[in-house]
Amino acid sequence: MAEYQCQYSDQVRKKHKSWHDGVLKYKSGQLILYTDDGGKLATVRKSSRELERILDPNRFGEELRLSSRYVVTIESALEQRPSLALKMKPFKATISNRPSRRRIPQLQHRQNADSRRSRIRHVETKPIVI
């Protein structure tokens, strides 16, 4: 993922625009515009020819119409920081023939009615005499 420091404006038709700081990220054929605080503004897919033209370092500083809503000027490329995330091997799901560690109890409700009645505790009740 490549990141670029940019300025953007949503005032597409105005001659004197007010500009805001932002970050433009390029990831797998799409450009994503973020605010300086990290809020996502727009995601745009462009052809490879257009991407080469937009991300050309010789054209930094020119106004580019990113979408129908935003105008962007790319100032500079941000340095790539190494990721702190550990690289992991892809997960491979396997089915083993060994039994699971804990035993799942069999369902009790499938037994016959007599065994259910024997589990009920009968308590003698005496009427209250006043």
C-alpha atoms as a PDB file:
ATOM      1  CA  MET A   1       0.000   0.000   0.000  1.00  0.00           C
ATOM      2  CA  ALA A   2       1.444   3.333  -1.071  1.00  0.00           C
ATOM      3  CA  GLU A   3       0.547   6.504   0.825  1.00  0.00           C
ATOM      4  CA  TYR A   4       0.712  10.089  -0.405  1.00  0.00           C
ATOM      5  CA  GLN A   5       0.395  13.373   1.470  1.00  0.00           C
ATOM      6  CA  CYS A   6      -2.232  15.459  -0.325  1.00  0.00           C
ATOM      7  CA  GLN A   7      -4.624  18.348  -0.115  1.00  0.00           C
ATOM      8  CA  TYR A   8      -8.248  17.947  -1.127  1.00  0.00           C
ATOM      9  CA  SER A   9     -11.273  20.139  -1.631  1.00  0.00           C
ATOM     10  CA  ASP A  10     -14.942  19.394  -2.123  1.00  0.00           C
ATOM     11  CA  GLN A  11     -15.446  22.741  -3.843  1.00  0.00           C
ATOM     12  CA  VAL A  12     -15.015  21.380  -7.352  1.00  0.00           C
ATOM     13  CA  ARG A  13     -16.467  24.316  -9.308  1.00  0.00           C
ATOM     14  CA  LYS A  14     -15.121  27.261  -7.289  1.00  0.00           C
ATOM     15  CA  LYS A  15     -12.186  29.259  -8.571  1.00  0.00           C
ATOM     16  CA  HIS A  16     -10.753  29.975  -5.071  1.00  0.00           C
ATOM     17  CA  LYS A  17     -11.100  26.692  -3.215  1.00  0.00           C
ATOM     18  CA  SER A  18     -10.500  26.043   0.465  1.00  0.00           C
ATOM     19  CA  TRP A  19      -8.050  23.143   0.808  1.00  0.00           C
ATOM     20  CA  HIS A  20      -7.801  20.536   3.573  1.00  0.00           C
ATOM     21  CA  ASP A  21      -4.911  18.240   4.470  1.00  0.00           C
ATOM     22  CA  GLY A  22      -5.391  14.545   3.777  1.00  0.00           C
ATOM     23  CA  VAL A  23      -3.813  11.238   2.849  1.00  0.00           C
ATOM     24  CA  LEU A  24      -4.300   9.394  -0.429  1.00  0.00           C
ATOM     25  CA  LYS A  25      -3.692   5.644  -0.271  1.00  0.00           C
ATOM     26  CA  TYR A  26      -3.234   3.354  -3.260  1.00  0.00           C
ATOM     27  CA  LYS A  27      -4.212  -0.263  -2.705  1.00  0.00           C
ATOM     28  CA  SER A  28      -4.901  -2.944  -5.325  1.00  0.00           C
ATOM     29  CA  GLY A  29      -6.123  -0.737  -8.144  1.00  0.00           C
ATOM     30  CA  GLN A  30      -8.096   1.757  -6.095  1.00  0.00           C
ATOM     31  CA  LEU A  31      -7.392   5.139  -4.565  1.00  0.00           C
ATOM     32  CA  ILE A  32      -8.751   5.867  -1.093  1.00  0.00           C
ATOM     33  CA  LEU A  33      -8.919   9.455   0.196  1.00  0.00           C
ATOM     34  CA  TYR A  34      -8.671   9.968   3.958  1.00  0.00           C
ATOM     35  CA  THR A  35      -8.861  13.100   6.085  1.00  0.00           C
ATOM     36  CA  ASP A  36      -5.854  14.056   8.194  1.00  0.00           C
ATOM     37  CA  ASP A  37      -7.672  12.565  11.208  1.00  0.00           C
ATOM     38  CA  GLY A  38      -8.129   9.210   9.456  1.00  0.00           C
ATOM     39  CA  GLY A  39     -11.764   9.491   8.332  1.00  0.00           C
ATOM     40  CA  LYS A  40     -12.495   7.847   4.993  1.00  0.00           C
ATOM     41  CA  LEU A  41     -13.881  10.251   2.373  1.00  0.00           C
ATOM     42  CA  ALA A  42     -13.894   8.476  -0.980  1.00  0.00           C
ATOM     43  CA  THR A  43     -12.865   5.289  -2.743  1.00  0.00           C
ATOM     44  CA  VAL A  44     -12.249   5.444  -6.489  1.00  0.00           C
ATOM     45  CA  ARG A  45     -11.276   2.743  -9.001  1.00  0.00           C
ATOM     46  CA  LYS A  46      -9.181   3.902 -11.941  1.00  0.00           C
ATOM     47  CA  SER A  47      -7.595   2.159 -14.901  1.00  0.00           C
ATOM     48  CA  SER A  48      -3.887   1.368 -14.745  1.00  0.00           C
ATOM     49  CA  ARG A  49      -3.130   4.091 -17.307  1.00  0.00           C
ATOM     50  CA  GLU A  50      -4.947   6.722 -15.234  1.00  0.00           C
ATOM     51  CA  LEU A  51      -3.230   5.521 -12.057  1.00  0.00           C
ATOM     52  CA  GLU A  52       0.198   5.913 -13.690  1.00  0.00           C
ATOM     53  CA  ARG A  53      -0.716   9.459 -14.694  1.00  0.00           C
ATOM     54  CA  ILE A  54      -2.101  10.384 -11.253  1.00  0.00           C
ATOM     55  CA  LEU A  55       0.730   8.834  -9.203  1.00  0.00           C
ATOM     56  CA  ASP A  56       3.566  10.112 -11.429  1.00  0.00           C
ATOM     57  CA  PRO A  57       5.991  12.080  -9.172  1.00  0.00           C
ATOM     58  CA  ASN A  58       6.568  14.621 -11.965  1.00  0.00           C
ATOM     59  CA  ARG A  59       2.882  15.596 -11.813  1.00  0.00           C
ATOM     60  CA  PHE A  60       2.701  16.160  -8.043  1.00  0.00           C
ATOM     61  CA  GLY A  61       1.173  19.576  -7.301  1.00  0.00           C
ATOM     62  CA  GLU A  62      -1.345  19.521 -10.169  1.00  0.00           C
ATOM     63  CA  GLU A  63      -5.084  19.566  -9.486  1.00  0.00           C
ATOM     64  CA  LEU A  64      -6.613  16.163 -10.175  1.00  0.00           C
ATOM     65  CA  ARG A  65     -10.312  15.406 -10.228  1.00  0.00           C
ATOM     66  CA  LEU A  66     -10.449  12.281  -8.097  1.00  0.00           C
ATOM     67  CA  SER A  67     -14.190  11.804  -8.337  1.00  0.00           C
ATOM     68  CA  SER A  68     -17.176  13.962  -9.131  1.00  0.00           C
ATOM     69  CA  ARG A  69     -17.007  15.270  -5.568  1.00  0.00           C
ATOM     70  CA  TYR A  70     -13.298  15.870  -4.772  1.00  0.00           C
ATOM     71  CA  VAL A  71     -10.333  17.676  -6.299  1.00  0.00           C
ATOM     72  CA  VAL A  72      -6.918  16.522  -5.036  1.00  0.00           C
ATOM     73  CA  THR A  73      -3.345  17.777  -5.309  1.00  0.00           C
ATOM     74  CA  ILE A  74      -0.691  15.256  -4.296  1.00  0.00           C
ATOM     75  CA  GLU A  75       2.164  16.921  -2.403  1.00  0.00           C
ATOM     76  CA  SER A  76       4.589  14.060  -1.736  1.00  0.00           C
ATOM     77  CA  ALA A  77       4.899  10.338  -1.147  1.00  0.00           C
ATOM     78  CA  LEU A  78       4.969   9.291   2.490  1.00  0.00           C
ATOM     79  CA  GLU A  79       7.796   7.024   3.569  1.00  0.00           C
ATOM     80  CA  GLN A  80       6.912   3.384   3.925  1.00  0.00           C
ATOM     81  CA  ARG A  81       7.185   2.300   7.541  1.00  0.00           C
ATOM     82  CA  PRO A  82       7.780  -1.390   8.202  1.00  0.00           C
ATOM     83  CA  SER A  83       4.763  -3.110   9.644  1.00  0.00           C
ATOM     84  CA  LEU A  84       4.910  -4.227  13.266  1.00  0.00           C
ATOM     85  CA  ALA A  85       2.547  -7.087  12.571  1.00  0.00           C
ATOM     86  CA  LEU A  86       4.063 -10.548  12.609  1.00  0.00           C
ATOM     87  CA  LYS A  87       4.047 -12.430   9.360  1.00  0.00           C
ATOM     88  CA  MET A  88       1.957 -15.545   9.715  1.00  0.00           C
ATOM     89  CA  LYS A  89       1.639 -18.681   7.685  1.00  0.00           C
ATOM     90  CA  PRO A  90      -1.717 -19.158   5.973  1.00  0.00           C
ATOM     91  CA  PHE A  91      -4.236 -21.163   7.966  1.00  0.00           C
ATOM     92  CA  LYS A  92      -4.897 -24.634   6.617  1.00  0.00           C
ATOM     93  CA  ALA A  93      -8.008 -26.339   7.905  1.00  0.00           C
ATOM     94  CA  THR A  94      -7.546 -30.057   8.470  1.00  0.00           C
ATOM     95  CA  ILE A  95      -9.894 -32.732   9.705  1.00  0.00           C
ATOM     96  CA  SER A  96      -8.328 -35.184  12.078  1.00  0.00           C
ATOM     97  CA  ASN A  97      -9.542 -38.666  12.991  1.00  0.00           C
ATOM     98  CA  ARG A  98      -8.690 -38.306  16.620  1.00  0.00           C
ATOM     99  CA  PRO A  99     -11.533 -37.796  19.086  1.00  0.00           C
ATOM    100  CA  SER A 100     -12.071 -34.455  20.733  1.00  0.00           C
ATOM    101  CA  ARG A 101     -10.707 -33.887  24.221  1.00  0.00           C
ATOM    102  CA  ARG A 102     -13.969 -33.325  25.993  1.00  0.00           C
ATOM    103  CA  ARG A 103     -16.803 -35.728  25.758  1.00  0.00           C
ATOM    104  CA  ILE A 104     -20.129 -34.330  24.703  1.00  0.00           C
ATOM    105  CA  PRO A 105     -22.935 -35.833  26.807  1.00  0.00           C
ATOM    106  CA  GLN A 106     -25.621 -37.704  24.961  1.00  0.00           C
ATOM    107  CA  LEU A 107     -29.019 -36.108  24.782  1.00  0.00           C
ATOM    108  CA  GLN A 108     -31.214 -37.304  27.638  1.00  0.00           C
ATOM    109  CA  HIS A 109     -34.592 -36.469  26.127  1.00  0.00           C
ATOM    110  CA  ARG A 110     -34.499 -39.426  23.728  1.00  0.00           C
ATOM    111  CA  GLN A 111     -34.904 -41.981  26.505  1.00  0.00           C
ATOM    112  CA  ASN A 112     -38.239 -43.601  27.162  1.00  0.00           C
ATOM    113  CA  ALA A 113     -40.886 -42.049  29.398  1.00  0.00           C
ATOM    114  CA  ASP A 114     -40.374 -44.482  32.329  1.00  0.00           C
ATOM    115  CA  SER A 115     -36.802 -43.442  32.943  1.00  0.00           C
ATOM    116  CA  ARG A 116     -37.866 -39.782  32.918  1.00  0.00           C
ATOM    117  CA  ARG A 117     -40.447 -40.421  35.600  1.00  0.00           C
ATOM    118  CA  SER A 118     -37.933 -42.210  37.790  1.00  0.00           C
ATOM    119  CA  ARG A 119     -35.747 -39.107  37.879  1.00  0.00           C
ATOM    120  CA  ILE A 120     -38.542 -36.966  39.305  1.00  0.00           C
ATOM    121  CA  ARG A 121     -38.329 -36.672  43.075  1.00  0.00           C
ATOM    122  CA  HIS A 122     -41.631 -37.245  44.819  1.00  0.00           C
ATOM    123  CA  VAL A 123     -42.270 -35.319  48.032  1.00  0.00           C
ATOM    124  CA  GLU A 124     -45.155 -36.065  50.321  1.00  0.00           C
ATOM    125  CA  THR A 125     -47.311 -33.103  51.081  1.00  0.00           C
ATOM    126  CA  LYS A 126     -49.474 -32.764  54.160  1.00  0.00           C
ATOM    127  CA  PRO A 127     -52.373 -30.368  54.352  1.00  0.00           C
ATOM    128  CA  ILE A 128     -51.980 -27.406  56.668  1.00  0.00           C
ATOM    129  CA  VAL A 129     -54.373 -27.568  59.627  1.00  0.00           C
ATOM    130  CA  ILE A 130     -55.409 -24.350  61.249  1.00  0.00           C
END
